[in-house]
């Protein structure tokens, strides 16, 4: 790059980087007291994430089915899949969850991580199922987060499935049945 006098000039920017502060004194006294140099860069990383033993859970979500697990030894049933029973140590078996549940409890989330920031406020709930010993945490839709009510406790809800390329627990959410 050349300035108006034909001299080569240096830019503070390089592809993918921006210098925000570049302190330097006119003389070399006090170099140890300089404020830190700050360079802003984009950072992108790709990685392969294995869902390992939870692959059936995520594969089922993409097909509109929600799976939990049940212990063949003691019959303990988990809404959130577990590979091994936390009661007796037996390897769990896959269990299709009922097509409906009830709101056990909920909270309205107003401050969220970057992934959920655009959705705030939203409702996070624990869902209980007939014949299942544990609860499933999920988002509720179809309820007004601006007007939460204790009347929601016990209401019947049903899962809905989002088809998203990311494949995550966010692929299932619940809506009111009544």
Protein backbone atom coordinates (compact mmCIF):
# COMPACT_ATOMS: atom_id res chain seq x y z
CA UNK A 1 0.00 0.00 0.00
CA UNK A 2 1.30 3.50 -0.78
CA UNK A 3 0.46 6.79 0.85
CA UNK A 4 -0.06 10.06 -1.02
CA UNK A 5 3.75 10.61 -1.14
CA UNK A 6 4.42 7.26 -2.82
CA UNK A 7 5.96 5.74 0.32
CA UNK A 8 5.01 2.23 1.35
CA UNK A 9 2.79 2.27 4.43
CA UNK A 10 1.97 -0.54 6.82
CA UNK A 11 -1.55 -1.40 7.81
CA UNK A 12 -2.48 -2.46 11.34
CA UNK A 13 -4.71 -5.10 9.79
CA UNK A 14 -3.84 -8.45 8.32
CA UNK A 15 -6.29 -11.01 6.97
CA UNK A 16 -8.32 -12.25 9.91
CA UNK A 17 -6.65 -9.95 12.47
CA UNK A 18 -7.17 -6.45 13.78
CA UNK A 19 -4.82 -4.56 16.08
CA UNK A 20 -6.86 -2.80 18.73
CA UNK A 21 -4.05 -1.19 20.74
CA UNK A 22 -0.50 -0.66 19.57
CA UNK A 23 1.28 1.40 22.22
CA UNK A 24 4.82 2.60 21.65
CA UNK A 25 6.60 5.59 23.23
CA UNK A 26 8.56 8.12 21.20
CA UNK A 27 11.69 7.18 23.15
CA UNK A 28 12.68 3.80 24.58
CA UNK A 29 12.25 4.79 28.22
CA UNK A 30 9.51 2.98 30.08
CA UNK A 31 9.04 0.06 27.67
CA UNK A 32 8.32 -2.23 30.61
CA UNK A 33 5.30 -0.06 31.46
CA UNK A 34 3.54 -0.34 28.10
CA UNK A 35 -0.09 -1.36 28.10
CA UNK A 36 -0.58 -4.79 26.55
CA UNK A 37 -0.83 -5.09 22.81
CA UNK A 38 -4.26 -6.42 21.83
CA UNK A 39 -4.87 -8.23 18.55
CA UNK A 40 -8.36 -9.39 17.63
CA UNK A 41 -8.43 -12.55 15.47
CA UNK A 42 -11.12 -14.89 14.24
CA UNK A 43 -10.79 -18.39 15.59
CA UNK A 44 -12.47 -21.29 13.90
CA UNK A 45 -11.96 -24.88 14.80
CA UNK A 46 -13.57 -27.96 13.34
CA UNK A 47 -13.79 -31.15 15.31
CA UNK A 48 -15.58 -34.45 15.09
CA UNK A 49 -17.75 -35.17 18.11
CA UNK A 50 -18.65 -38.76 18.82
CA UNK A 51 -21.92 -39.44 20.58
CA UNK A 52 -20.60 -42.93 21.37
CA UNK A 53 -23.02 -45.00 23.37
CA UNK A 54 -25.66 -42.22 23.12
CA UNK A 55 -25.86 -42.53 19.32
CA UNK A 56 -29.24 -44.35 19.48
CA UNK A 57 -30.72 -41.46 21.51
CA UNK A 58 -29.71 -38.85 18.92
CA UNK A 59 -30.57 -41.07 15.95
CA UNK A 60 -34.04 -41.59 17.44
CA UNK A 61 -34.54 -37.83 17.94
CA UNK A 62 -33.87 -37.22 14.25
CA UNK A 63 -36.64 -39.75 13.55
CA UNK A 64 -39.18 -38.23 15.96
CA UNK A 65 -38.69 -40.74 18.78
CA UNK A 66 -37.47 -40.02 22.29
CA UNK A 67 -35.59 -42.79 24.06
CA UNK A 68 -34.73 -43.33 27.69
CA UNK A 69 -33.25 -46.45 29.28
CA UNK A 70 -34.51 -49.19 31.60
CA UNK A 71 -32.52 -51.60 33.71
CA UNK A 72 -33.36 -55.23 32.93
CA UNK A 73 -32.15 -56.18 36.43
CA UNK A 74 -34.07 -53.85 38.75
CA UNK A 75 -36.44 -52.10 36.26
CA UNK A 76 -35.14 -48.61 37.15
CA UNK A 77 -36.13 -46.34 34.20
CA UNK A 78 -34.30 -43.15 33.22
CA UNK A 79 -35.72 -40.39 31.04
CA UNK A 80 -32.16 -39.26 30.29
CA UNK A 81 -30.36 -42.30 28.84
CA UNK A 82 -27.66 -43.92 30.94
CA UNK A 83 -25.42 -46.76 29.81
CA UNK A 84 -25.33 -48.42 33.25
CA UNK A 85 -27.93 -48.54 36.03
CA UNK A 86 -26.91 -46.30 38.90
CA UNK A 87 -28.81 -48.56 41.30
CA UNK A 88 -27.45 -52.01 40.50
CA UNK A 89 -24.73 -51.55 37.84
CA UNK A 90 -26.49 -53.57 35.11
CA UNK A 91 -26.17 -52.48 31.48
CA UNK A 92 -29.30 -50.52 30.56
CA UNK A 93 -31.64 -51.26 27.64
CA UNK A 94 -33.26 -48.67 25.37
CA UNK A 95 -36.80 -47.63 26.25
CA UNK A 96 -39.11 -45.54 24.03
CA UNK A 97 -40.55 -42.81 26.26
CA UNK A 98 -44.30 -42.20 26.34
CA UNK A 99 -45.65 -39.70 23.81
CA UNK A 100 -46.68 -37.39 26.61
CA UNK A 101 -45.56 -36.31 30.02
CA UNK A 102 -46.42 -33.77 32.69
CA UNK A 103 -44.63 -30.64 33.82
CA UNK A 104 -42.98 -31.44 37.15
CA UNK A 105 -41.41 -28.00 37.61
CA UNK A 106 -40.10 -25.13 35.46
CA UNK A 107 -38.16 -21.89 35.46
CA UNK A 108 -38.02 -18.91 33.15
CA UNK A 109 -34.50 -18.33 31.84
CA UNK A 110 -33.65 -14.68 31.19
CA UNK A 111 -29.85 -14.90 30.97
CA UNK A 112 -28.44 -17.61 28.75
CA UNK A 113 -25.34 -18.81 26.97
CA UNK A 114 -24.58 -17.74 23.42
CA UNK A 115 -26.44 -20.75 21.94
CA UNK A 116 -29.70 -19.75 23.65
CA UNK A 117 -29.26 -15.96 23.85
CA UNK A 118 -31.61 -15.22 20.94
CA UNK A 119 -34.33 -17.33 22.57
CA UNK A 120 -34.40 -15.55 25.94
CA UNK A 121 -36.58 -15.45 27.83
CA UNK A 122 -37.49 -19.11 27.50
CA UNK A 123 -38.94 -21.77 29.75
CA UNK A 124 -36.87 -24.70 30.97
CA UNK A 125 -38.85 -27.55 32.52
CA UNK A 126 -38.48 -30.97 34.08
CA UNK A 127 -40.91 -33.45 32.53
CA UNK A 128 -42.18 -36.54 34.36
CA UNK A 129 -43.48 -39.66 32.63
CA UNK A 130 -45.72 -42.49 33.78
CA UNK A 131 -43.55 -45.51 34.62
CA UNK A 132 -40.23 -43.61 34.45
CA UNK A 133 -38.23 -42.94 37.62
CA UNK A 134 -36.32 -39.81 36.56
CA UNK A 135 -37.18 -36.49 34.93
CA UNK A 136 -36.19 -35.04 31.56
CA UNK A 137 -34.99 -31.42 31.29
CA UNK A 138 -36.19 -29.62 28.19
CA UNK A 139 -37.49 -26.35 26.81
CA UNK A 140 -41.23 -25.61 26.82
CA UNK A 141 -42.84 -23.79 23.93
CA UNK A 142 -46.43 -22.64 23.67
CA UNK A 143 -46.39 -21.09 27.14
CA UNK A 144 -45.84 -17.36 27.79
CA UNK A 145 -42.50 -16.84 29.61
CA UNK A 146 -43.71 -13.34 30.50
CA UNK A 147 -46.62 -14.72 32.51
CA UNK A 148 -45.44 -17.86 34.34
CA UNK A 149 -48.04 -19.65 36.41
CA UNK A 150 -48.00 -22.39 39.01
CA UNK A 151 -51.05 -23.72 37.16
CA UNK A 152 -48.58 -25.12 34.60
CA UNK A 153 -47.39 -27.73 37.12
CA UNK A 154 -48.98 -31.07 36.20
CA UNK A 155 -50.08 -29.95 32.73
CA UNK A 156 -49.80 -32.56 29.99
CA UNK A 157 -47.15 -31.86 27.38
CA UNK A 158 -45.89 -33.70 24.31
CA UNK A 159 -42.53 -33.74 22.57
CA UNK A 160 -41.87 -32.03 19.27
CA UNK A 161 -38.77 -32.67 17.24
CA UNK A 162 -36.66 -30.14 15.36
CA UNK A 163 -34.72 -31.34 12.33
CA UNK A 164 -31.42 -29.54 12.75
CA UNK A 165 -28.05 -30.43 11.27
CA UNK A 166 -26.24 -29.95 14.59
CA UNK A 167 -27.89 -32.95 16.32
CA UNK A 168 -28.14 -32.01 19.99
CA UNK A 169 -30.49 -32.32 22.99
CA UNK A 170 -32.09 -29.09 21.69
CA UNK A 171 -33.67 -31.21 18.95
CA UNK A 172 -36.55 -32.08 21.31
CA UNK A 173 -38.81 -29.58 23.07
CA UNK A 174 -42.28 -29.85 24.61
CA UNK A 175 -45.62 -28.17 23.89
CA UNK A 176 -48.94 -28.18 25.79
CA UNK A 177 -51.47 -30.92 25.02
CA UNK A 178 -54.45 -29.31 26.72
